[in-house]
Amino acid sequence: MCLTRKIIYQSKNGIITYCNRSHLFQVMYNNLCFELFEWELEAFKEHLFNLDINYWQNQLKCTATHRKIPLSVGTKHFIILLSKIELAELKALLSIKPKKINILKYSDIDYRFIEN
């Protein structure tokens, strides 16, 4: 892995990395790979979270595939289809929030200190 690339979050089927040199986020999920600037990543997240899953499943109920939720990519001629489960996994990957680290105070430690 490139020394300037840092892993932001990793899940079972995906990973998000950030490159300090190019200032690009790389979102890899299954066999999909997106390289996005920060503003593009935020727009992509907003688009994913605003998709109407029930609408698309109803619209594409007669298709032969089990993937019924379209995700348009750049041009109108290229669309990625996701299942409801895949979309939920991708949303979970992108909705990471940094974990707050709780620092212990002296009063939080229940220990009797005995000097010899």
PDB file of N, CA and C in Angstrom:
ATOM      1  N   MET A   1       0.841  -1.178   0.000  1.00  0.00           N
ATOM      2  CA  MET A   1       0.000   0.000   0.000  1.00  0.00           C
ATOM      3  C   MET A   1       0.884   1.239   0.000  1.00  0.00           C
ATOM      4  N   CYS A   2       0.447   2.250  -0.691  1.00  0.00           N
ATOM      5  CA  CYS A   2       1.164   3.520  -0.788  1.00  0.00           C
ATOM      6  C   CYS A   2       1.328   4.135   0.609  1.00  0.00           C
ATOM      7  N   LEU A   3       2.485   4.710   0.861  1.00  0.00           N
ATOM      8  CA  LEU A   3       2.743   5.285   2.186  1.00  0.00           C
ATOM      9  C   LEU A   3       1.860   6.488   2.490  1.00  0.00           C
ATOM     10  N   THR A   4       1.377   7.161   1.452  1.00  0.00           N
ATOM     11  CA  THR A   4       0.524   8.332   1.678  1.00  0.00           C
ATOM     12  C   THR A   4      -0.946   7.947   1.838  1.00  0.00           C
ATOM     13  N   ARG A   5      -1.270   6.680   1.647  1.00  0.00           N
ATOM     14  CA  ARG A   5      -2.663   6.217   1.752  1.00  0.00           C
ATOM     15  C   ARG A   5      -2.923   5.701   3.155  1.00  0.00           C
ATOM     16  N   LYS A   6      -4.012   6.188   3.756  1.00  0.00           N
ATOM     17  CA  LYS A   6      -4.364   5.816   5.126  1.00  0.00           C
ATOM     18  C   LYS A   6      -5.749   5.184   5.130  1.00  0.00           C
ATOM     19  N   ILE A   7      -5.901   4.064   5.833  1.00  0.00           N
ATOM     20  CA  ILE A   7      -7.205   3.401   5.931  1.00  0.00           C
ATOM     21  C   ILE A   7      -8.073   4.178   6.919  1.00  0.00           C
ATOM     22  N   ILE A   8      -9.219   4.628   6.438  1.00  0.00           N
ATOM     23  CA  ILE A   8     -10.171   5.367   7.270  1.00  0.00           C
ATOM     24  C   ILE A   8     -11.102   4.404   7.991  1.00  0.00           C
ATOM     25  N   TYR A   9     -11.653   3.460   7.237  1.00  0.00           N
ATOM     26  CA  TYR A   9     -12.594   2.495   7.807  1.00  0.00           C
ATOM     27  C   TYR A   9     -12.605   1.253   6.927  1.00  0.00           C
ATOM     28  N   GLN A  10     -12.814   0.121   7.539  1.00  0.00           N
ATOM     29  CA  GLN A  10     -12.850  -1.128   6.803  1.00  0.00           C
ATOM     30  C   GLN A  10     -13.992  -1.981   7.336  1.00  0.00           C
ATOM     31  N   SER A  11     -14.731  -2.594   6.436  1.00  0.00           N
ATOM     32  CA  SER A  11     -15.799  -3.511   6.819  1.00  0.00           C
ATOM     33  C   SER A  11     -15.563  -4.839   6.113  1.00  0.00           C
ATOM     34  N   LYS A  12     -16.500  -5.740   6.234  1.00  0.00           N
ATOM     35  CA  LYS A  12     -16.352  -7.071   5.644  1.00  0.00           C
ATOM     36  C   LYS A  12     -16.185  -6.997   4.123  1.00  0.00           C
ATOM     37  N   ASN A  13     -16.976  -6.172   3.467  1.00  0.00           N
ATOM     38  CA  ASN A  13     -16.965  -6.113   1.999  1.00  0.00           C
ATOM     39  C   ASN A  13     -16.413  -4.819   1.426  1.00  0.00           C
ATOM     40  N   GLY A  14     -15.918  -3.923   2.272  1.00  0.00           N
ATOM     41  CA  GLY A  14     -15.464  -2.648   1.734  1.00  0.00           C
ATOM     42  C   GLY A  14     -14.382  -1.992   2.565  1.00  0.00           C
ATOM     43  N   ILE A  15     -13.796  -0.962   1.978  1.00  0.00           N
ATOM     44  CA  ILE A  15     -12.740  -0.213   2.648  1.00  0.00           C
ATOM     45  C   ILE A  15     -12.766   1.227   2.129  1.00  0.00           C
ATOM     46  N   ILE A  16     -12.476   2.167   3.019  1.00  0.00           N
ATOM     47  CA  ILE A  16     -12.335   3.563   2.639  1.00  0.00           C
ATOM     48  C   ILE A  16     -10.919   3.982   3.004  1.00  0.00           C
ATOM     49  N   THR A  17     -10.209   4.535   2.013  1.00  0.00           N
ATOM     50  CA  THR A  17      -8.856   5.023   2.261  1.00  0.00           C
ATOM     51  C   THR A  17      -8.767   6.480   1.827  1.00  0.00           C
ATOM     52  N   TYR A  18      -7.723   7.157   2.326  1.00  0.00           N
ATOM     53  CA  TYR A  18      -7.481   8.553   1.960  1.00  0.00           C
ATOM     54  C   TYR A  18      -6.020   8.711   1.589  1.00  0.00           C
ATOM     55  N   CYS A  19      -5.758   9.386   0.473  1.00  0.00           N
ATOM     56  CA  CYS A  19      -4.396   9.626   0.016  1.00  0.00           C
ATOM     57  C   CYS A  19      -4.031  11.080   0.297  1.00  0.00           C
ATOM     58  N   ASN A  20      -2.988  11.284   1.100  1.00  0.00           N
ATOM     59  CA  ASN A  20      -2.547  12.637   1.443  1.00  0.00           C
ATOM     60  C   ASN A  20      -1.941  13.364   0.245  1.00  0.00           C
ATOM     61  N   ARG A  21      -1.379  12.635  -0.697  1.00  0.00           N
ATOM     62  CA  ARG A  21      -0.745  13.267  -1.849  1.00  0.00           C
ATOM     63  C   ARG A  21      -1.784  13.779  -2.847  1.00  0.00           C
ATOM     64  N   SER A  22      -2.742  12.936  -3.224  1.00  0.00           N
ATOM     65  CA  SER A  22      -3.740  13.321  -4.227  1.00  0.00           C
ATOM     66  C   SER A  22      -5.000  13.922  -3.610  1.00  0.00           C
ATOM     67  N   HIS A  23      -5.151  13.819  -2.298  1.00  0.00           N
ATOM     68  CA  HIS A  23      -6.329  14.299  -1.563  1.00  0.00           C
ATOM     69  C   HIS A  23      -7.609  13.635  -2.056  1.00  0.00           C
ATOM     70  N   LEU A  24      -7.500  12.367  -2.410  1.00  0.00           N
ATOM     71  CA  LEU A  24      -8.649  11.597  -2.873  1.00  0.00           C
ATOM     72  C   LEU A  24      -9.016  10.523  -1.860  1.00  0.00           C
ATOM     73  N   PHE A  25     -10.329  10.337  -1.693  1.00  0.00           N
ATOM     74  CA  PHE A  25     -10.848   9.209  -0.929  1.00  0.00           C
ATOM     75  C   PHE A  25     -11.086   8.083  -1.921  1.00  0.00           C
ATOM     76  N   GLN A  26     -10.750   6.875  -1.525  1.00  0.00           N
ATOM     77  CA  GLN A  26     -11.016   5.716  -2.361  1.00  0.00           C
ATOM     78  C   GLN A  26     -11.982   4.815  -1.608  1.00  0.00           C
ATOM     79  N   VAL A  27     -13.155   4.616  -2.182  1.00  0.00           N
ATOM     80  CA  VAL A  27     -14.178   3.753  -1.599  1.00  0.00           C
ATOM     81  C   VAL A  27     -14.231   2.492  -2.452  1.00  0.00           C
ATOM     82  N   MET A  28     -13.867   1.365  -1.848  1.00  0.00           N
ATOM     83  CA  MET A  28     -13.938   0.092  -2.543  1.00  0.00           C
ATOM     84  C   MET A  28     -14.985  -0.764  -1.837  1.00  0.00           C
ATOM     85  N   TYR A  29     -15.962  -1.211  -2.604  1.00  0.00           N
ATOM     86  CA  TYR A  29     -17.011  -2.061  -2.061  1.00  0.00           C
ATOM     87  C   TYR A  29     -17.246  -3.193  -3.055  1.00  0.00           C
ATOM     88  N   ASN A  30     -17.078  -4.416  -2.614  1.00  0.00           N
ATOM     89  CA  ASN A  30     -17.128  -5.604  -3.488  1.00  0.00           C
ATOM     90  C   ASN A  30     -16.230  -5.370  -4.696  1.00  0.00           C
ATOM     91  N   ASN A  31     -16.783  -5.329  -5.889  1.00  0.00           N
ATOM     92  CA  ASN A  31     -15.958  -5.108  -7.074  1.00  0.00           C
ATOM     93  C   ASN A  31     -16.076  -3.673  -7.599  1.00  0.00           C
ATOM     94  N   LEU A  32     -16.608  -2.779  -6.801  1.00  0.00           N
ATOM     95  CA  LEU A  32     -16.734  -1.372  -7.184  1.00  0.00           C
ATOM     96  C   LEU A  32     -15.620  -0.561  -6.544  1.00  0.00           C
ATOM     97  N   CYS A  33     -15.121   0.420  -7.271  1.00  0.00           N
ATOM     98  CA  CYS A  33     -14.092   1.303  -6.733  1.00  0.00           C
ATOM     99  C   CYS A  33     -14.405   2.728  -7.172  1.00  0.00           C
ATOM    100  N   PHE A  34     -14.521   3.628  -6.212  1.00  0.00           N
ATOM    101  CA  PHE A  34     -14.776   5.034  -6.481  1.00  0.00           C
ATOM    102  C   PHE A  34     -13.617   5.850  -5.918  1.00  0.00           C
ATOM    103  N   GLU A  35     -13.077   6.764  -6.704  1.00  0.00           N
ATOM    104  CA  GLU A  35     -12.077   7.708  -6.220  1.00  0.00           C
ATOM    105  C   GLU A  35     -12.725   9.086  -6.237  1.00  0.00           C
ATOM    106  N   LEU A  36     -12.856   9.672  -5.061  1.00  0.00           N
ATOM    107  CA  LEU A  36     -13.640  10.897  -4.908  1.00  0.00           C
ATOM    108  C   LEU A  36     -12.904  11.922  -4.065  1.00  0.00           C
ATOM    109  N   PHE A  37     -13.068  13.195  -4.438  1.00  0.00           N
ATOM    110  CA  PHE A  37     -12.627  14.265  -3.561  1.00  0.00           C
ATOM    111  C   PHE A  37     -13.622  14.363  -2.414  1.00  0.00           C
ATOM    112  N   GLU A  38     -13.288  15.125  -1.375  1.00  0.00           N
ATOM    113  CA  GLU A  38     -14.146  15.183  -0.195  1.00  0.00           C
ATOM    114  C   GLU A  38     -15.551  15.675  -0.536  1.00  0.00           C
ATOM    115  N   TRP A  39     -15.668  16.703  -1.364  1.00  0.00           N
ATOM    116  CA  TRP A  39     -16.996  17.223  -1.708  1.00  0.00           C
ATOM    117  C   TRP A  39     -17.788  16.208  -2.532  1.00  0.00           C
ATOM    118  N   GLU A  40     -17.092  15.422  -3.365  1.00  0.00           N
ATOM    119  CA  GLU A  40     -17.765  14.385  -4.141  1.00  0.00           C
ATOM    120  C   GLU A  40     -18.222  13.247  -3.241  1.00  0.00           C
ATOM    121  N   LEU A  41     -17.409  12.913  -2.247  1.00  0.00           N
ATOM    122  CA  LEU A  41     -17.777  11.869  -1.294  1.00  0.00           C
ATOM    123  C   LEU A  41     -19.027  12.265  -0.511  1.00  0.00           C
ATOM    124  N   GLU A  42     -19.091  13.532  -0.077  1.00  0.00           N
ATOM    125  CA  GLU A  42     -20.267  14.008   0.650  1.00  0.00           C
ATOM    126  C   GLU A  42     -21.512  13.989  -0.233  1.00  0.00           C
ATOM    127  N   ALA A  43     -21.369  14.395  -1.493  1.00  0.00           N
ATOM    128  CA  ALA A  43     -22.499  14.360  -2.432  1.00  0.00           C
ATOM    129  C   ALA A  43     -22.936  12.922  -2.697  1.00  0.00           C
ATOM    130  N   PHE A  44     -21.980  12.006  -2.801  1.00  0.00           N
ATOM    131  CA  PHE A  44     -22.286  10.592  -3.017  1.00  0.00           C
ATOM    132  C   PHE A  44     -23.045  10.023  -1.826  1.00  0.00           C
ATOM    133  N   LYS A  45     -22.583  10.350  -0.613  1.00  0.00           N
ATOM    134  CA  LYS A  45     -23.289   9.900   0.602  1.00  0.00           C
ATOM    135  C   LYS A  45     -24.718  10.424   0.623  1.00  0.00           C
ATOM    136  N   GLU A  46     -24.872  11.711   0.325  1.00  0.00           N
ATOM    137  CA  GLU A  46     -26.207  12.313   0.338  1.00  0.00           C
ATOM    138  C   GLU A  46     -27.117  11.631  -0.679  1.00  0.00           C
ATOM    139  N   HIS A  47     -26.566  11.343  -1.865  1.00  0.00           N
ATOM    140  CA  HIS A  47     -27.350  10.657  -2.890  1.00  0.00           C
ATOM    141  C   HIS A  47     -27.786   9.268  -2.417  1.00  0.00           C
ATOM    142  N   LEU A  48     -26.865   8.530  -1.805  1.00  0.00           N
ATOM    143  CA  LEU A  48     -27.193   7.180  -1.317  1.00  0.00           C
ATOM    144  C   LEU A  48     -28.271   7.204  -0.248  1.00  0.00           C
ATOM    145  N   PHE A  49     -28.148   8.147   0.690  1.00  0.00           N
ATOM    146  CA  PHE A  49     -29.092   8.184   1.799  1.00  0.00           C
ATOM    147  C   PHE A  49     -30.457   8.740   1.389  1.00  0.00           C
ATOM    148  N   ASN A  50     -30.529   9.394   0.222  1.00  0.00           N
ATOM    149  CA  ASN A  50     -31.809   9.924  -0.253  1.00  0.00           C
ATOM    150  C   ASN A  50     -32.496   9.020  -1.259  1.00  0.00           C
ATOM    151  N   LEU A  51     -31.893   7.875  -1.589  1.00  0.00           N
ATOM    152  CA  LEU A  51     -32.536   6.947  -2.525  1.00  0.00           C
ATOM    153  C   LEU A  51     -33.806   6.374  -1.912  1.00  0.00           C
ATOM    154  N   ASP A  52     -34.853   6.342  -2.695  1.00  0.00           N
ATOM    155  CA  ASP A  52     -36.120   5.764  -2.250  1.00  0.00           C
ATOM    156  C   ASP A  52     -36.139   4.280  -2.636  1.00  0.00           C
ATOM    157  N   ILE A  53     -35.780   3.441  -1.695  1.00  0.00           N
ATOM    158  CA  ILE A  53     -35.624   2.005  -1.947  1.00  0.00           C
ATOM    159  C   ILE A  53     -36.933   1.367  -2.392  1.00  0.00           C
ATOM    160  N   ASN A  54     -38.009   1.670  -1.702  1.00  0.00           N
ATOM    161  CA  ASN A  54     -39.307   1.064  -2.041  1.00  0.00           C
ATOM    162  C   ASN A  54     -39.775   1.463  -3.434  1.00  0.00           C
ATOM    163  N   TYR A  55     -39.533   2.719  -3.805  1.00  0.00           N
ATOM    164  CA  TYR A  55     -39.924   3.188  -5.137  1.00  0.00           C
ATOM    165  C   TYR A  55     -39.207   2.379  -6.214  1.00  0.00           C
ATOM    166  N   TRP A  56     -37.879   2.242  -6.079  1.00  0.00           N
ATOM    167  CA  TRP A  56     -37.110   1.537  -7.100  1.00  0.00           C
ATOM    168  C   TRP A  56     -37.418   0.051  -7.131  1.00  0.00           C
ATOM    169  N   GLN A  57     -37.650  -0.561  -5.978  1.00  0.00           N
ATOM    170  CA  GLN A  57     -38.005  -1.983  -5.975  1.00  0.00           C
ATOM    171  C   GLN A  57     -39.348  -2.207  -6.655  1.00  0.00           C
ATOM    172  N   ASN A  58     -40.270  -1.271  -6.502  1.00  0.00           N
ATOM    173  CA  ASN A  58     -41.577  -1.365  -7.149  1.00  0.00           C
ATOM    174  C   ASN A  58     -41.453  -1.107  -8.655  1.00  0.00           C
ATOM    175  N   GLN A  59     -40.640  -0.120  -9.043  1.00  0.00           N
ATOM    176  CA  GLN A  59     -40.466   0.216 -10.456  1.00  0.00           C
ATOM    177  C   GLN A  59     -39.811  -0.924 -11.238  1.00  0.00           C
ATOM    178  N   LEU A  60     -38.856  -1.589 -10.629  1.00  0.00           N
ATOM    179  CA  LEU A  60     -38.099  -2.619 -11.324  1.00  0.00           C
ATOM    180  C   LEU A  60     -38.457  -4.036 -10.867  1.00  0.00           C
ATOM    181  N   LYS A  61     -39.705  -4.214 -10.398  1.00  0.00           N
ATOM    182  CA  LYS A  61     -40.102  -5.527  -9.884  1.00  0.00           C
ATOM    183  C   LYS A  61     -40.182  -6.596 -10.968  1.00  0.00           C
ATOM    184  N   CYS A  62     -40.324  -6.220 -12.218  1.00  0.00           N
ATOM    185  CA  CYS A  62     -40.432  -7.202 -13.302  1.00  0.00           C
ATOM    186  C   CYS A  62     -39.088  -7.554 -13.934  1.00  0.00           C
ATOM    187  N   THR A  63     -38.006  -6.997 -13.431  1.00  0.00           N
ATOM    188  CA  THR A  63     -36.698  -7.323 -14.001  1.00  0.00           C
ATOM    189  C   THR A  63     -36.242  -8.700 -13.529  1.00  0.00           C
ATOM    190  N   ALA A  64     -35.343  -9.293 -14.297  1.00  0.00           N
ATOM    191  CA  ALA A  64     -34.894 -10.653 -14.007  1.00  0.00           C
ATOM    192  C   ALA A  64     -33.877 -10.720 -12.875  1.00  0.00           C
ATOM    193  N   THR A  65     -33.265  -9.627 -12.538  1.00  0.00           N
ATOM    194  CA  THR A  65     -32.231  -9.625 -11.514  1.00  0.00           C
ATOM    195  C   THR A  65     -32.806  -9.308 -10.133  1.00  0.00           C
ATOM    196  N   HIS A  66     -32.110  -9.770  -9.096  1.00  0.00           N
ATOM    197  CA  HIS A  66     -32.561  -9.464  -7.735  1.00  0.00           C
ATOM    198  C   HIS A  66     -32.067  -8.089  -7.283  1.00  0.00           C
ATOM    199  N   ARG A  67     -31.157  -7.503  -8.032  1.00  0.00           N
ATOM    200  CA  ARG A  67     -30.680  -6.151  -7.738  1.00  0.00           C
ATOM    201  C   ARG A  67     -31.619  -5.161  -8.419  1.00  0.00           C
ATOM    202  N   LYS A  68     -32.288  -4.351  -7.626  1.00  0.00           N
ATOM    203  CA  LYS A  68     -33.333  -3.492  -8.173  1.00  0.00           C
ATOM    204  C   LYS A  68     -33.124  -2.004  -7.904  1.00  0.00           C
ATOM    205  N   ILE A  69     -32.059  -1.641  -7.206  1.00  0.00           N
ATOM    206  CA  ILE A  69     -31.855  -0.242  -6.849  1.00  0.00           C
ATOM    207  C   ILE A  69     -30.737   0.324  -7.728  1.00  0.00           C
ATOM    208  N   PRO A  70     -31.078   1.271  -8.640  1.00  0.00           N
ATOM    209  CA  PRO A  70     -30.069   1.810  -9.550  1.00  0.00           C
ATOM    210  C   PRO A  70     -29.223   2.896  -8.895  1.00  0.00           C
ATOM    211  N   LEU A  71     -27.955   2.876  -9.232  1.00  0.00           N
ATOM    212  CA  LEU A  71     -27.018   3.888  -8.766  1.00  0.00           C
ATOM    213  C   LEU A  71     -26.323   4.415 -10.012  1.00  0.00           C
ATOM    214  N   SER A  72     -26.743   5.603 -10.473  1.00  0.00           N
ATOM    215  CA  SER A  72     -26.161   6.138 -11.704  1.00  0.00           C
ATOM    216  C   SER A  72     -24.758   6.653 -11.428  1.00  0.00           C
ATOM    217  N   VAL A  73     -23.890   6.400 -12.387  1.00  0.00           N
ATOM    218  CA  VAL A  73     -22.487   6.765 -12.234  1.00  0.00           C
ATOM    219  C   VAL A  73     -22.079   7.605 -13.438  1.00  0.00           C
ATOM    220  N   GLY A  74     -21.972   8.892 -13.232  1.00  0.00           N
ATOM    221  CA  GLY A  74     -21.449   9.789 -14.260  1.00  0.00           C
ATOM    222  C   GLY A  74     -22.341   9.983 -15.469  1.00  0.00           C
ATOM    223  N   THR A  75     -22.455   8.995 -16.312  1.00  0.00           N
ATOM    224  CA  THR A  75     -23.227   9.139 -17.542  1.00  0.00           C
ATOM    225  C   THR A  75     -24.553   8.405 -17.419  1.00  0.00           C
ATOM    226  N   LYS A  76     -25.469   8.737 -18.302  1.00  0.00           N
ATOM    227  CA  LYS A  76     -26.777   8.087 -18.249  1.00  0.00           C
ATOM    228  C   LYS A  76     -26.757   6.690 -18.844  1.00  0.00           C
ATOM    229  N   HIS A  77     -25.632   6.313 -19.459  1.00  0.00           N
ATOM    230  CA  HIS A  77     -25.538   5.001 -20.088  1.00  0.00           C
ATOM    231  C   HIS A  77     -24.921   3.945 -19.183  1.00  0.00           C
ATOM    232  N   PHE A  78     -24.502   4.342 -17.984  1.00  0.00           N
ATOM    233  CA  PHE A  78     -23.852   3.397 -17.074  1.00  0.00           C
ATOM    234  C   PHE A  78     -24.520   3.463 -15.715  1.00  0.00           C
ATOM    235  N   ILE A  79     -25.157   2.384 -15.321  1.00  0.00           N
ATOM    236  CA  ILE A  79     -25.885   2.323 -14.048  1.00  0.00           C
ATOM    237  C   ILE A  79     -25.471   1.063 -13.305  1.00  0.00           C
ATOM    238  N   ILE A  80     -25.187   1.218 -12.021  1.00  0.00           N
ATOM    239  CA  ILE A  80     -24.870   0.085 -11.164  1.00  0.00           C
ATOM    240  C   ILE A  80     -26.151  -0.297 -10.434  1.00  0.00           C
ATOM    241  N   LEU A  81     -26.471  -1.577 -10.430  1.00  0.00           N
ATOM    242  CA  LEU A  81     -27.645  -2.051  -9.711  1.00  0.00           C
ATOM    243  C   LEU A  81     -27.205  -2.707  -8.411  1.00  0.00           C
ATOM    244  N   LEU A  82     -27.870  -2.335  -7.340  1.00  0.00           N
ATOM    245  CA  LEU A  82     -27.577  -2.876  -6.018  1.00  0.00           C
ATOM    246  C   LEU A  82     -28.819  -3.526  -5.438  1.00  0.00           C
ATOM    247  N   SER A  83     -28.613  -4.514  -4.591  1.00  0.00           N
ATOM    248  CA  SER A  83     -29.726  -5.084  -3.842  1.00  0.00           C
ATOM    249  C   SER A  83     -29.931  -4.241  -2.582  1.00  0.00           C
ATOM    250  N   LYS A  84     -31.023  -4.482  -1.907  1.00  0.00           N
ATOM    251  CA  LYS A  84     -31.324  -3.742  -0.672  1.00  0.00           C
ATOM    252  C   LYS A  84     -30.239  -3.987   0.382  1.00  0.00           C
ATOM    253  N   ILE A  85     -29.756  -5.212   0.468  1.00  0.00           N
ATOM    254  CA  ILE A  85     -28.716  -5.565   1.445  1.00  0.00           C
ATOM    255  C   ILE A  85     -27.394  -4.885   1.091  1.00  0.00           C
ATOM    256  N   GLU A  86     -27.045  -4.901  -0.208  1.00  0.00           N
ATOM    257  CA  GLU A  86     -25.802  -4.257  -0.639  1.00  0.00           C
ATOM    258  C   GLU A  86     -25.845  -2.751  -0.377  1.00  0.00           C
ATOM    259  N   LEU A  87     -26.978  -2.138  -0.627  1.00  0.00           N
ATOM    260  CA  LEU A  87     -27.112  -0.707  -0.373  1.00  0.00           C
ATOM    261  C   LEU A  87     -26.967  -0.402   1.120  1.00  0.00           C
ATOM    262  N   ALA A  88     -27.559  -1.239   1.961  1.00  0.00           N
ATOM    263  CA  ALA A  88     -27.437  -1.049   3.412  1.00  0.00           C
ATOM    264  C   ALA A  88     -25.981  -1.188   3.859  1.00  0.00           C
ATOM    265  N   GLU A  89     -25.260  -2.156   3.289  1.00  0.00           N
ATOM    266  CA  GLU A  89     -23.845  -2.344   3.632  1.00  0.00           C
ATOM    267  C   GLU A  89     -23.006  -1.152   3.180  1.00  0.00           C
ATOM    268  N   LEU A  90     -23.281  -0.636   1.989  1.00  0.00           N
ATOM    269  CA  LEU A  90     -22.552   0.520   1.481  1.00  0.00           C
ATOM    270  C   LEU A  90     -22.839   1.759   2.324  1.00  0.00           C
ATOM    271  N   LYS A  91     -24.084   1.924   2.735  1.00  0.00           N
ATOM    272  CA  LYS A  91     -24.438   3.043   3.625  1.00  0.00           C
ATOM    273  C   LYS A  91     -23.720   2.916   4.968  1.00  0.00           C
ATOM    274  N   ALA A  92     -23.656   1.704   5.497  1.00  0.00           N
ATOM    275  CA  ALA A  92     -22.968   1.487   6.771  1.00  0.00           C
ATOM    276  C   ALA A  92     -21.484   1.797   6.640  1.00  0.00           C
ATOM    277  N   LEU A  93     -20.898   1.436   5.505  1.00  0.00           N
ATOM    278  CA  LEU A  93     -19.490   1.719   5.273  1.00  0.00           C
ATOM    279  C   LEU A  93     -19.242   3.225   5.218  1.00  0.00           C
ATOM    280  N   LEU A  94     -20.148   3.957   4.605  1.00  0.00           N
ATOM    281  CA  LEU A  94     -19.964   5.395   4.432  1.00  0.00           C
ATOM    282  C   LEU A  94     -20.430   6.229   5.618  1.00  0.00           C
ATOM    283  N   SER A  95     -21.158   5.645   6.534  1.00  0.00           N
ATOM    284  CA  SER A  95     -21.688   6.441   7.648  1.00  0.00           C
ATOM    285  C   SER A  95     -20.842   6.304   8.904  1.00  0.00           C
ATOM    286  N   ILE A  96     -19.567   6.066   8.725  1.00  0.00           N
ATOM    287  CA  ILE A  96     -18.681   5.914   9.877  1.00  0.00           C
ATOM    288  C   ILE A  96     -18.538   7.236  10.598  1.00  0.00           C
ATOM    289  N   LYS A  97     -18.490   7.156  11.878  1.00  0.00           N
ATOM    290  CA  LYS A  97     -18.250   8.314  12.721  1.00  0.00           C
ATOM    291  C   LYS A  97     -17.077   7.967  13.621  1.00  0.00           C
ATOM    292  N   PRO A  98     -16.144   8.894  13.784  1.00  0.00           N
ATOM    293  CA  PRO A  98     -15.010   8.579  14.647  1.00  0.00           C
ATOM    294  C   PRO A  98     -15.469   8.264  16.064  1.00  0.00           C
ATOM    295  N   LYS A  99     -14.900   7.212  16.609  1.00  0.00           N
ATOM    296  CA  LYS A  99     -15.274   6.812  17.961  1.00  0.00           C
ATOM    297  C   LYS A  99     -14.635   7.746  18.970  1.00  0.00           C
ATOM    298  N   LYS A 100     -15.434   8.176  19.915  1.00  0.00           N
ATOM    299  CA  LYS A 100     -14.924   9.038  20.967  1.00  0.00           C
ATOM    300  C   LYS A 100     -14.198   8.168  21.994  1.00  0.00           C
ATOM    301  N   ILE A 101     -13.007   8.593  22.345  1.00  0.00           N
ATOM    302  CA  ILE A 101     -12.225   7.855  23.321  1.00  0.00           C
ATOM    303  C   ILE A 101     -12.461   8.490  24.689  1.00  0.00           C
ATOM    304  N   ASN A 102     -12.982   7.704  25.608  1.00  0.00           N
ATOM    305  CA  ASN A 102     -13.219   8.193  26.960  1.00  0.00           C
ATOM    306  C   ASN A 102     -11.961   7.996  27.797  1.00  0.00           C
ATOM    307  N   ILE A 103     -11.455   9.092  28.301  1.00  0.00           N
ATOM    308  CA  ILE A 103     -10.263   9.029  29.136  1.00  0.00           C
ATOM    309  C   ILE A 103     -10.707   8.905  30.587  1.00  0.00           C
ATOM    310  N   LEU A 104     -10.105   7.952  31.280  1.00  0.00           N
ATOM    311  CA  LEU A 104     -10.455   7.726  32.684  1.00  0.00           C
ATOM    312  C   LEU A 104      -9.951   8.862  33.561  1.00  0.00           C
ATOM    313  N   LYS A 105     -10.749   9.178  34.554  1.00  0.00           N
ATOM    314  CA  LYS A 105     -10.333  10.142  35.579  1.00  0.00           C
ATOM    315  C   LYS A 105      -9.882   9.342  36.798  1.00  0.00           C
ATOM    316  N   TYR A 106      -9.223  10.022  37.689  1.00  0.00           N
ATOM    317  CA  TYR A 106      -8.758   9.379  38.902  1.00  0.00           C
ATOM    318  C   TYR A 106      -9.928   8.766  39.674  1.00  0.00           C
ATOM    319  N   SER A 107     -11.053   9.466  39.700  1.00  0.00           N
ATOM    320  CA  SER A 107     -12.219   8.979  40.455  1.00  0.00           C
ATOM    321  C   SER A 107     -12.874   7.750  39.810  1.00  0.00           C
ATOM    322  N   ASP A 108     -12.593   7.500  38.543  1.00  0.00           N
ATOM    323  CA  ASP A 108     -13.154   6.337  37.842  1.00  0.00           C
ATOM    324  C   ASP A 108     -12.443   5.033  38.189  1.00  0.00           C
ATOM    325  N   ILE A 109     -11.252   5.146  38.728  1.00  0.00           N
ATOM    326  CA  ILE A 109     -10.459   3.961  39.037  1.00  0.00           C
ATOM    327  C   ILE A 109     -10.752   3.512  40.458  1.00  0.00           C
ATOM    328  N   ASP A 110     -11.259   2.299  40.580  1.00  0.00           N
ATOM    329  CA  ASP A 110     -11.583   1.740  41.889  1.00  0.00           C
ATOM    330  C   ASP A 110     -10.449   0.802  42.293  1.00  0.00           C
ATOM    331  N   TYR A 111      -9.442   1.375  42.903  1.00  0.00           N
ATOM    332  CA  TYR A 111      -8.263   0.598  43.264  1.00  0.00           C
ATOM    333  C   TYR A 111      -7.705   1.157  44.569  1.00  0.00           C
ATOM    334  N   ARG A 112      -7.432   0.265  45.478  1.00  0.00           N
ATOM    335  CA  ARG A 112      -6.854   0.675  46.765  1.00  0.00           C
ATOM    336  C   ARG A 112      -5.341   0.583  46.655  1.00  0.00           C
ATOM    337  N   PHE A 113      -4.705   1.706  46.687  1.00  0.00           N
ATOM    338  CA  PHE A 113      -3.253   1.775  46.534  1.00  0.00           C
ATOM    339  C   PHE A 113      -2.615   1.659  47.904  1.00  0.00           C
ATOM    340  N   ILE A 114      -1.715   0.689  48.074  1.00  0.00           N
ATOM    341  CA  ILE A 114      -1.037   0.460  49.332  1.00  0.00           C
ATOM    342  C   ILE A 114       0.453   0.597  49.111  1.00  0.00           C
ATOM    343  N   GLU A 115       1.077   1.503  49.832  1.00  0.00           N
ATOM    344  CA  GLU A 115       2.517   1.661  49.718  1.00  0.00           C
ATOM    345  C   GLU A 115       3.194   0.731  50.729  1.00  0.00           C
ATOM    346  N   ASN A 116       4.213   0.069  50.319  1.00  0.00           N
ATOM    347  CA  ASN A 116       4.961  -0.825  51.221  1.00  0.00           C
ATOM    348  C   ASN A 116       6.101  -0.109  51.865  1.00  0.00           C
TER     349      ASN A 116
END
